[in-house]
Protein backbone atom coordinates (compact mmCIF):
# COMPACT_ATOMS: atom_id res chain seq x y z
CA MET A 1 9.52 10.66 -12.73
CA GLN A 2 11.86 7.83 -13.45
CA LEU A 3 10.71 5.43 -16.28
CA ILE A 4 10.74 1.64 -15.50
CA ARG A 5 11.22 -1.20 -18.08
CA PRO A 6 7.26 -2.08 -18.88
CA PHE A 7 8.03 -5.90 -18.84
CA SER A 8 9.43 -5.97 -15.56
CA ILE A 9 6.90 -4.03 -13.74
CA ALA A 10 4.14 -5.80 -15.76
CA ALA A 11 5.71 -9.03 -14.69
CA ALA A 12 5.43 -8.14 -11.12
CA ALA A 13 2.15 -6.36 -11.36
CA GLY A 14 0.82 -9.06 -13.13
CA SER A 15 1.54 -11.95 -10.81
CA LEU A 16 0.73 -9.58 -7.69
CA LEU A 17 -2.79 -8.80 -8.92
CA LEU A 18 -3.33 -12.45 -9.42
CA ALA A 19 -2.88 -12.85 -5.80
CA LEU A 20 -4.77 -9.93 -4.66
CA PRO A 21 -8.50 -11.39 -5.44
CA ALA A 22 -7.80 -14.68 -3.39
CA ALA A 23 -5.90 -11.98 -0.25
CA CYS A 24 -9.10 -9.46 -1.09
CA SER A 25 -12.18 -11.84 -0.68
CA PRO A 26 -14.69 -10.95 1.81
CA ALA A 27 -14.05 -11.58 5.12
CA ALA A 28 -15.36 -11.48 8.79
CA PRO A 29 -15.52 -7.80 10.12
CA GLU A 30 -12.25 -6.59 11.22
CA PRO A 31 -11.30 -6.23 14.74
CA ALA A 32 -10.18 -2.63 15.59
CA ALA A 33 -6.71 -1.44 14.46
CA PRO A 34 -4.22 -0.89 17.33
CA ALA A 35 -3.40 2.60 18.38
CA PRO A 36 -0.34 4.11 16.63
CA GLN A 37 2.80 4.14 17.98
CA ALA A 38 4.23 7.57 19.17
CA SER A 39 7.90 6.73 18.28
CA GLN A 40 8.25 8.77 15.20
CA ASP A 41 5.35 11.80 15.60
CA ASP A 42 8.03 14.15 15.50
CA HIS A 43 8.14 13.97 11.42
CA SER A 44 11.73 12.57 11.80
CA TRP A 45 10.79 10.15 9.30
CA MET A 46 10.24 12.99 6.73
CA ASN A 47 14.17 13.11 6.47
CA GLU A 48 14.62 9.65 5.78
CA GLU A 49 16.21 8.61 2.65
CA GLN A 50 13.33 7.68 -0.22
CA THR A 51 13.25 3.75 -0.51
CA PRO A 52 14.38 3.17 -4.02
CA GLY A 53 11.58 2.61 -6.72
CA ASP A 54 8.78 4.39 -8.53
CA TRP A 55 4.77 4.01 -8.94
CA ARG A 56 3.09 2.19 -11.98
CA TYR A 57 -0.42 2.28 -12.26
CA VAL A 58 -2.32 -1.25 -13.52
CA ALA A 59 -5.88 -1.42 -14.32
CA GLU A 60 -7.95 -4.88 -14.34
CA PRO A 61 -11.42 -5.33 -14.67
CA THR A 62 -12.32 -5.92 -11.12
CA GLU A 63 -9.69 -3.84 -9.70
CA THR A 64 -6.87 -1.18 -10.34
CA ALA A 65 -3.57 -0.71 -8.55
CA ALA A 66 -0.65 1.75 -7.96
CA ILE A 67 2.54 -0.56 -7.46
CA PHE A 68 5.85 1.05 -5.93
CA GLY A 69 9.06 -1.02 -6.65
CA THR A 70 12.43 -1.13 -8.57
CA GLY A 71 10.69 -2.55 -11.67
CA GLU A 72 12.90 -6.07 -10.73
CA GLU A 73 10.64 -8.72 -10.62
CA ASP A 74 11.03 -9.37 -7.04
CA GLY A 75 11.32 -5.40 -6.37
CA VAL A 76 7.89 -4.45 -5.40
CA GLU A 77 7.60 -2.90 -1.97
CA LEU A 78 3.91 -1.86 -1.89
CA ILE A 79 0.69 -1.74 -3.36
CA ILE A 80 -2.25 0.21 -2.87
CA ALA A 81 -5.35 -1.15 -4.96
CA CYS A 82 -9.04 -0.76 -5.13
CA GLU A 83 -11.71 -3.56 -5.36
CA ILE A 84 -13.65 -1.54 -7.54
CA LEU A 85 -17.18 -3.65 -6.55
CA ALA A 86 -16.52 -3.55 -2.79
CA SER A 87 -15.29 0.09 -3.07
CA ARG A 88 -12.48 -0.69 -0.43
CA ILE A 89 -8.84 -0.12 -0.68
CA SER A 90 -6.22 -2.55 0.12
CA ILE A 91 -2.63 -1.59 1.12
CA SER A 92 -0.21 -4.30 0.66
CA ARG A 93 3.44 -4.50 1.96
CA MET A 94 5.72 -7.17 1.05
CA GLY A 95 7.02 -9.19 4.09
CA GLU A 96 6.42 -12.29 5.91
CA PRO A 97 4.94 -11.83 9.70
CA GLU A 98 4.04 -14.50 12.00
CA GLY A 99 0.26 -12.95 12.08
CA GLU A 100 -1.60 -10.13 12.71
CA THR A 101 0.37 -6.96 13.10
CA SER A 102 -0.04 -2.97 12.80
CA MET A 103 0.28 -0.89 9.58
CA ILE A 104 1.28 2.59 10.51
CA ILE A 105 0.72 5.06 7.62
CA ARG A 106 2.59 8.49 8.30
CA THR A 107 2.27 11.55 6.47
CA GLU A 108 2.68 15.04 7.37
CA THR A 109 -0.78 15.77 8.47
CA GLN A 110 -2.42 12.57 9.70
CA THR A 111 -0.89 9.25 11.22
CA GLY A 112 -3.10 6.08 10.85
CA ALA A 113 -2.62 2.53 12.19
CA LEU A 114 -4.41 -0.28 10.45
CA LEU A 115 -4.74 -3.97 11.29
CA ALA A 116 -2.21 -6.10 8.68
CA GLU A 117 -2.66 -9.75 8.16
CA PRO A 118 -0.53 -12.01 5.97
CA ALA A 119 -2.27 -12.02 2.54
CA VAL A 120 -3.56 -15.92 1.29
CA SER A 121 -1.32 -16.09 -1.71
CA PHE A 122 1.93 -17.19 -3.24
CA ALA A 123 3.73 -13.57 -2.70
CA PRO A 124 4.72 -12.71 0.95
CA LEU A 125 2.25 -10.08 1.55
CA LEU A 126 0.67 -7.87 4.62
CA LEU A 127 -2.48 -6.86 3.68
CA ALA A 128 -4.65 -4.20 5.28
CA HIS A 129 -8.07 -2.59 4.21
CA VAL A 130 -9.39 0.92 4.02
CA ASP A 131 -12.73 2.12 3.21
CA ALA A 132 -12.28 4.12 0.03
CA ARG A 133 -13.53 7.24 1.38
CA ASP A 134 -10.89 7.14 4.80
CA PRO A 135 -9.32 10.45 5.34
CA LEU A 136 -6.18 8.78 5.21
CA LEU A 137 -6.23 7.97 1.87
CA ASP A 138 -6.53 11.74 1.25
CA ALA A 139 -3.80 12.51 3.63
CA ILE A 140 -1.63 10.07 1.55
CA ALA A 141 -2.39 11.28 -2.09
CA PHE A 142 -2.22 14.93 -0.89
CA SER A 143 1.41 14.65 1.03
CA LYS A 144 3.82 16.93 -0.20
CA GLY A 145 6.73 14.88 -1.38
CA ARG A 146 6.12 11.45 0.59
CA PHE A 147 4.57 9.24 3.11
CA ALA A 148 6.17 6.29 5.35
CA VAL A 149 4.66 2.92 5.83
CA GLU A 150 5.73 0.77 8.83
CA VAL A 151 4.89 -2.67 9.23
CA GLY A 152 5.93 -5.13 11.80
CA GLY A 153 8.43 -7.36 10.95
CA THR A 154 9.81 -5.04 7.98
CA GLU A 155 11.90 -2.22 7.24
CA PRO A 156 9.95 1.32 7.27
CA ILE A 157 9.51 2.56 3.62
CA TYR A 158 9.39 6.02 2.60
CA VAL A 159 7.53 6.53 -0.79
CA PRO A 160 6.95 9.44 -3.05
CA ALA A 161 3.05 10.56 -3.22
CA TYR A 162 2.77 10.42 -6.90
CA PRO A 163 -0.66 10.37 -8.83
CA GLU A 164 -0.97 6.81 -9.20
CA ILE A 165 -2.30 6.57 -5.89
CA THR A 166 -4.61 9.50 -6.28
CA ARG A 167 -5.96 7.99 -9.41
CA VAL A 168 -6.57 4.30 -7.36
CA VAL A 169 -8.54 6.39 -4.91
CA GLU A 170 -10.47 7.83 -7.36
CA ASP A 171 -11.20 4.65 -8.94
CA CYS A 172 -13.17 3.50 -5.86
CA ARG A 173 -14.78 6.52 -5.45
CA SER A 174 -16.60 6.51 -8.44
C-alpha cells in the first residue's frame, strides 16, 4: 500500500467530513433506485486501469470514513462513511450533477444501483445512502482486487478493495 502524506489527506478528509453531517442529515424516505445498466455486466471493467490514489481511514465522534484519493487537497475521489448513530453508510463520489442520478457499484459478484443526489455541502459531492447490512457492502469489502463506481456526469473510477472499507462497514454494524 502506498503511503500518502498525512497533512494532505487530513486536510481533504477534514474538510469533507465537515461537509458530510450536513449532507447526511435525516431526510424523507428515499425513492427506489433505478435499475442497473447492463452495459458492462461482462466484467470488462475489471481490465480497466486502477484510478490513481490510496485509501485512508478517518474517525470522528459520530462517523468514520474511508477516503480514496491522491492525497492532494482536491484529489479526493470517493468517500465511504458510516453514520454511527443511524447505522447507515453513505457513498460519496466527487462530481457536479444537475440533480438525482444513478450510482452504479460493480464488484465481481454483484452490481448494485443506488440513487445519488447532490450533497448539501461546499464540496461537489454526489451522495448515496446504503443500510449498513446491505449485501452490496460485503461485495465491495470482499472484492478481489477492485470495484467500480459509475455516476452519471462523472468518469467511472476503479478503486482497490482495501481494509479501510471493511473497517467502516464494521463500525456501522457494531
